[in-house]
C-alpha cells in the first residue's frame, strides 16, 4: 500500500511536468554543498575481545563518481589513559586500511580513557576519545516459556533479569544468543516493552537508556519468539549484556533513522551521528558480559 501511494504521487508529478513540456523548458543550476576531504574511522572496542580493529577510509563528494581511494600511508596512535599501544599490524583493503591491535592481554576497566588519533598527508588529523562505561551486573536471571504477548499481540517467551542502575546517565544494549554450535540459532530477535527501547544495529539486539529508572533497581523482561524451555536448554541460551557509551546510543538511533528512510523519497535526509573530531565516523566502547540462562 505504501509503495502504491508513492507510485501514484510520482505518476501525478510526472504527468504534470510532461504536460508542460510544450510550453517551457527550464534549466536549473545547482551548487553542490561545501565539501572537505576527511578521514573516516570506524572502531568498536569491547572489554571482551582478543583483537581490536580500527578501520580507516575517506569520504567522497557527491560529484566524485569514480570514488578512487587516495589513502596510501595512514598513521595511527591509540592510547589508554595516556599510555601508547603501538603493537599493531596494518592491512590494506579496497577502500582503506584496517589496523589490528592484539588485545587478549589488555584489561579494560570502567572509567579508562581511550583515544584514537589518525593522520595522513593531505587530510586533517582525525581524533576520537571514549571512556569505558560502567560494568553493570545482572541478577535474578530467569527463563519463562509463556512470556505473554508483545505489542503486536504475538506470543513470546522471555528472560527476566534484574540490575541496579548506577547514578548518572547510562545506556544499554542486550541480546539473547545460543551457545550450542549445533543449533540453527545464533541470536534470537530480542525486544523490550520499555519506553525508548529501539532496535540495535545488528537487528537482533535492543538498545535503551535509563531515563525512566535512573539510579534505581530495575526489572526487565527480554522478549524472544515463543520457545519451549527444553529447546532453550538445548540451545544453551545466554544473555549478552552490554553497557555502552552515549555516543554509541546516538549513533545507533541516527543510523536506524537513516536506514529506515533511505528508500523513502519523501523522508527528511538523516545525518548519522559522528564523534570523530576533524574527521567522520564512530568510535565506541562496549562493556560486555555474558550470562548463561541455565
Protein backbone atom coordinates (compact mmCIF):
# COMPACT_ATOMS: atom_id res chain seq x y z
CA UNK A 1 0.00 0.00 0.00
CA UNK A 2 2.87 2.36 0.84
CA UNK A 3 4.58 1.63 -2.49
CA UNK A 4 1.31 2.19 -4.34
CA UNK A 5 0.92 5.61 -2.74
CA UNK A 6 4.45 6.62 -3.84
CA UNK A 7 3.75 5.37 -7.37
CA UNK A 8 0.50 7.36 -7.66
CA UNK A 9 2.12 10.55 -6.36
CA UNK A 10 5.13 10.19 -8.64
CA UNK A 11 2.82 9.49 -11.61
CA UNK A 12 0.88 12.70 -10.90
CA UNK A 13 4.10 14.69 -10.62
CA UNK A 14 5.43 13.15 -13.83
CA UNK A 15 2.20 13.90 -15.72
CA UNK A 16 2.20 17.49 -14.54
CA UNK A 17 5.69 18.11 -15.85
CA UNK A 18 5.18 16.20 -19.13
CA UNK A 19 2.06 18.25 -19.90
CA UNK A 20 4.09 21.46 -19.64
CA UNK A 21 6.95 20.39 -21.90
CA UNK A 22 5.45 22.16 -24.88
CA UNK A 23 5.18 25.47 -23.05
CA UNK A 24 8.56 25.97 -21.40
CA UNK A 25 11.92 24.42 -20.74
CA UNK A 26 13.87 25.23 -17.59
CA UNK A 27 17.50 24.52 -16.74
CA UNK A 28 18.42 24.55 -13.08
CA UNK A 29 21.97 25.19 -11.95
CA UNK A 30 22.62 23.54 -8.60
CA UNK A 31 25.64 24.28 -6.47
CA UNK A 32 26.84 21.22 -4.52
CA UNK A 33 27.24 21.71 -0.77
CA UNK A 34 30.71 22.62 0.54
CA UNK A 35 32.94 19.55 0.67
CA UNK A 36 36.13 18.90 2.63
CA UNK A 37 38.17 15.76 2.23
CA UNK A 38 38.33 13.96 5.60
CA UNK A 39 39.48 10.73 7.15
CA UNK A 40 36.77 8.29 8.22
CA UNK A 41 37.36 5.86 11.07
CA UNK A 42 35.17 3.11 12.49
CA UNK A 43 36.18 1.37 15.71
CA UNK A 44 34.27 -0.86 18.12
CA UNK A 45 36.17 -1.64 21.31
CA UNK A 46 34.79 -4.33 23.63
CA UNK A 47 36.03 -5.33 27.04
CA UNK A 48 35.86 -8.96 25.89
CA UNK A 49 37.90 -9.17 22.70
CA UNK A 50 41.19 -10.62 21.51
CA UNK A 51 41.82 -8.16 18.69
CA UNK A 52 40.78 -4.51 18.48
CA UNK A 53 40.27 -3.31 14.89
CA UNK A 54 40.23 0.24 13.58
CA UNK A 55 39.03 0.72 10.02
CA UNK A 56 40.30 3.87 8.29
CA UNK A 57 38.95 5.15 4.99
CA UNK A 58 37.99 8.53 3.44
CA UNK A 59 34.91 10.46 2.36
CA UNK A 60 33.95 11.42 -1.18
CA UNK A 61 31.99 14.32 -2.65
CA UNK A 62 28.61 13.89 -4.36
CA UNK A 63 30.22 14.77 -7.70
CA UNK A 64 33.06 12.28 -7.26
CA UNK A 65 31.57 9.50 -9.36
CA UNK A 66 34.74 7.40 -9.62
CA UNK A 67 35.48 7.49 -5.87
CA UNK A 68 39.07 6.41 -6.38
CA UNK A 69 40.76 5.86 -2.97
CA UNK A 70 43.70 8.15 -2.27
CA UNK A 71 44.91 6.79 1.08
CA UNK A 72 48.43 5.39 0.89
CA UNK A 73 50.06 5.59 4.31
CA UNK A 74 47.76 6.45 7.24
CA UNK A 75 49.35 6.68 10.69
CA UNK A 76 47.57 5.77 13.91
CA UNK A 77 48.11 6.34 17.62
CA UNK A 78 45.99 4.52 20.18
CA UNK A 79 46.25 5.27 23.90
CA UNK A 80 44.60 4.08 27.12
CA UNK A 81 44.91 6.57 29.97
CA UNK A 82 47.73 8.23 28.04
CA UNK A 83 49.72 5.02 27.55
CA UNK A 84 50.54 4.39 23.88
CA UNK A 85 49.77 0.96 22.42
CA UNK A 86 52.00 0.68 19.37
CA UNK A 87 51.91 -3.10 18.91
CA UNK A 88 49.70 -3.41 15.84
CA UNK A 89 49.64 -4.61 12.25
CA UNK A 90 48.09 -2.92 9.24
CA UNK A 91 46.34 -4.39 6.21
CA UNK A 92 45.17 -2.61 3.04
CA UNK A 93 41.60 -3.07 1.82
CA UNK A 94 39.88 -1.93 -1.37
CA UNK A 95 38.83 1.39 0.18
CA UNK A 96 41.20 1.92 3.09
CA UNK A 97 43.19 0.23 5.83
CA UNK A 98 42.47 -1.91 8.90
CA UNK A 99 44.68 -1.63 11.97
CA UNK A 100 44.82 -4.70 14.25
CA UNK A 101 45.74 -4.31 17.92
CA UNK A 102 46.32 -7.56 19.90
CA UNK A 103 44.07 -7.18 22.93
CA UNK A 104 43.93 -10.53 24.71
CA UNK A 105 46.31 -9.30 27.43
CA UNK A 106 44.74 -5.86 27.82
CA UNK A 107 42.29 -5.43 30.69
CA UNK A 108 39.93 -2.51 30.25
CA UNK A 109 38.29 -1.09 33.36
CA UNK A 110 35.34 1.22 33.85
CA UNK A 111 36.50 4.82 33.58
CA UNK A 112 39.54 4.12 31.39
CA UNK A 113 40.03 6.86 28.79
CA UNK A 114 40.76 5.55 25.29
CA UNK A 115 41.83 7.79 22.41
CA UNK A 116 42.44 7.22 18.71
CA UNK A 117 44.40 9.65 16.53
CA UNK A 118 44.72 9.07 12.78
CA UNK A 119 46.79 11.21 10.42
CA UNK A 120 47.54 11.19 6.71
CA UNK A 121 49.20 13.69 4.40
CA UNK A 122 46.62 15.97 2.81
CA UNK A 123 43.93 15.28 5.43
CA UNK A 124 43.05 16.97 8.73
CA UNK A 125 44.01 14.93 11.79
CA UNK A 126 41.07 12.79 12.99
CA UNK A 127 40.70 12.07 16.71
CA UNK A 128 38.10 10.45 18.94
CA UNK A 129 38.00 9.79 22.68
CA UNK A 130 35.78 7.42 24.65
CA UNK A 131 35.50 6.45 28.31
CA UNK A 132 34.83 2.81 29.23
CA UNK A 133 31.24 2.71 30.56
CA UNK A 134 30.49 1.15 33.97
CA UNK A 135 30.10 -2.60 34.32
CA UNK A 136 26.53 -3.30 35.47
CA UNK A 137 25.89 -6.79 36.82
CA UNK A 138 22.71 -8.74 36.12
CA UNK A 139 20.93 -10.62 38.91
CA UNK A 140 17.93 -12.98 39.18
CA UNK A 141 18.07 -14.28 35.62
CA UNK A 142 15.00 -16.46 34.91
CA UNK A 143 13.58 -18.07 31.78
CA UNK A 144 9.80 -18.00 31.30
CA UNK A 145 8.42 -20.11 28.45
CA UNK A 146 5.00 -18.45 28.50
CA UNK A 147 6.17 -14.85 28.43
CA UNK A 148 2.89 -13.23 27.39
CA UNK A 149 2.24 -11.05 24.37
CA UNK A 150 4.29 -8.35 22.72
CA UNK A 151 2.91 -5.01 21.49
CA UNK A 152 1.68 -6.69 18.30
CA UNK A 153 -0.19 -9.41 20.18
CA UNK A 154 2.27 -12.19 19.35
CA UNK A 155 3.05 -14.90 21.90
CA UNK A 156 6.53 -14.62 23.34
CA UNK A 157 8.92 -16.32 25.72
CA UNK A 158 11.06 -14.13 27.94
CA UNK A 159 14.14 -13.89 30.12
CA UNK A 160 13.53 -11.85 33.26
CA UNK A 161 16.59 -10.01 34.58
CA UNK A 162 17.28 -7.51 37.34
CA UNK A 163 20.07 -4.99 37.82
CA UNK A 164 20.95 -1.89 39.81
CA UNK A 165 21.35 1.13 37.57
CA UNK A 166 24.28 3.39 38.60
CA UNK A 167 23.71 7.09 39.16
CA UNK A 168 24.00 9.35 36.14
CA UNK A 169 23.02 8.73 32.53
CA UNK A 170 23.54 5.14 31.41
CA UNK A 171 22.95 3.31 28.15
CA UNK A 172 22.47 -0.39 27.48
CA UNK A 173 22.28 -2.96 24.74
CA UNK A 174 21.32 -6.62 25.09
CA UNK A 175 20.52 -9.74 23.07
CA UNK A 176 19.73 -13.41 23.71
CA UNK A 177 22.12 -15.79 21.94
CA UNK A 178 22.68 -19.52 21.53
CA UNK A 179 25.93 -21.13 22.63
CA UNK A 180 25.18 -24.55 21.12
CA UNK A 181 27.17 -24.83 17.88
CA UNK A 182 24.68 -27.41 16.58
CA UNK A 183 21.64 -25.14 16.91
CA UNK A 184 20.23 -23.23 13.94
CA UNK A 185 20.03 -20.03 16.01
CA UNK A 186 22.97 -17.74 16.62
CA UNK A 187 20.97 -14.85 18.06
CA UNK A 188 17.31 -14.51 19.00
CA UNK A 189 15.37 -11.45 17.87
CA UNK A 190 15.28 -9.69 21.28
CA UNK A 191 12.89 -6.90 22.24
CA UNK A 192 11.69 -4.91 25.27
CA UNK A 193 8.30 -3.43 26.11
CA UNK A 194 10.03 -0.38 27.59
CA UNK A 195 9.77 3.35 26.75
CA UNK A 196 12.54 4.40 24.39
CA UNK A 197 13.75 0.89 23.58
CA UNK A 198 14.81 0.51 19.95
CA UNK A 199 16.33 -1.98 17.57
CA UNK A 200 20.11 -2.19 17.72
CA UNK A 201 22.48 -2.07 14.79
CA UNK A 202 22.58 -5.84 14.40
CA UNK A 203 18.78 -6.20 14.08
CA UNK A 204 18.59 -8.83 16.84
CA UNK A 205 19.83 -6.51 19.59
CA UNK A 206 17.79 -4.00 21.54
CA UNK A 207 19.18 -0.71 22.85
CA UNK A 208 17.75 1.56 25.58
CA UNK A 209 18.67 4.16 28.20
CA UNK A 210 17.86 4.63 31.89
CA UNK A 211 15.81 7.82 31.51
CA UNK A 212 12.78 6.22 33.19
CA UNK A 213 14.67 4.48 36.04
CA UNK A 214 17.94 6.37 36.59
CA UNK A 215 19.80 5.22 39.68
CA UNK A 216 17.19 2.62 40.67
CA UNK A 217 16.80 -1.13 40.86
CA UNK A 218 15.26 -2.28 37.58
CA UNK A 219 13.49 -5.45 36.43
CA UNK A 220 13.36 -6.16 32.70
CA UNK A 221 11.71 -8.81 30.54
CA UNK A 222 13.71 -9.64 27.40
CA UNK A 223 11.21 -10.96 24.85
CA UNK A 224 12.02 -13.58 22.20
CA UNK A 225 9.92 -15.71 19.85
CA UNK A 226 7.97 -18.41 21.66
CA UNK A 227 10.45 -21.18 22.52
CA UNK A 228 9.89 -24.29 24.65
CA UNK A 229 12.08 -24.40 27.75
CA UNK A 230 13.50 -27.72 26.56
CA UNK A 231 14.58 -26.01 23.33
CA UNK A 232 16.05 -23.06 25.22
CA UNK A 233 18.12 -25.50 27.27
CA UNK A 234 19.19 -27.33 24.13
CA UNK A 235 20.21 -24.03 22.56
CA UNK A 236 22.23 -23.21 25.72
CA UNK A 237 20.87 -19.69 25.60
CA UNK A 238 22.67 -16.80 27.29
CA UNK A 239 22.09 -13.09 27.85
CA UNK A 240 24.70 -10.84 26.25
CA UNK A 241 24.55 -7.71 28.41
CA UNK A 242 26.32 -4.50 27.43
CA UNK A 243 26.84 -1.10 28.95
CA UNK A 244 27.51 1.26 26.07
CA UNK A 245 28.56 4.88 25.65
CA UNK A 246 26.18 7.73 24.92
CA UNK A 247 27.93 8.27 21.59
CA UNK A 248 27.11 4.71 20.57
CA UNK A 249 23.48 5.19 21.61
CA UNK A 250 23.21 8.32 19.45
CA UNK A 251 24.97 6.63 16.55
CA UNK A 252 22.57 3.64 16.60
CA UNK A 253 19.46 5.82 16.80
CA UNK A 254 20.53 8.06 13.91
CA UNK A 255 21.81 5.15 11.81
CA UNK A 256 18.43 3.44 12.19
CA UNK A 257 16.63 6.59 11.05
CA UNK A 258 18.95 6.78 8.05
CA UNK A 259 18.39 3.17 7.01
CA UNK A 260 14.62 3.39 7.56
CA UNK A 261 14.33 6.49 5.37
CA UNK A 262 16.96 5.64 2.76
CA UNK A 263 14.42 4.20 0.30
CA UNK A 264 11.75 6.79 1.05
CA UNK A 265 11.92 9.69 -1.46
CA UNK A 266 9.78 11.89 0.79
CA UNK A 267 11.69 11.35 4.03
CA UNK A 268 13.87 14.05 5.52
CA UNK A 269 17.55 13.13 5.00
CA UNK A 270 19.08 11.86 8.24
CA UNK A 271 22.57 12.77 9.43
CA UNK A 272 24.28 9.81 11.07
CA UNK A 273 25.95 10.80 14.33
CA UNK A 274 29.74 11.06 14.30
CA UNK A 275 32.11 11.55 17.24
CA UNK A 276 35.34 11.99 15.28
CA UNK A 277 36.91 15.45 15.61
CA UNK A 278 38.49 16.60 12.36
CA UNK A 279 37.05 13.60 10.52
CA UNK A 280 33.99 11.39 10.29
CA UNK A 281 32.88 8.05 11.68
CA UNK A 282 32.33 6.47 15.06
CA UNK A 283 34.48 5.15 17.90
CA UNK A 284 32.58 3.46 20.71
CA UNK A 285 33.26 1.21 23.68
CA UNK A 286 31.10 -1.64 24.97
CA UNK A 287 31.46 -3.13 28.46
CA UNK A 288 30.14 -6.61 27.76
CA UNK A 289 29.32 -9.61 29.95
CA UNK A 290 27.64 -12.88 29.00
CA UNK A 291 25.33 -14.71 31.41
CA UNK A 292 24.20 -18.33 30.83
CA UNK A 293 20.45 -18.58 31.49
CA UNK A 294 20.50 -22.21 32.68
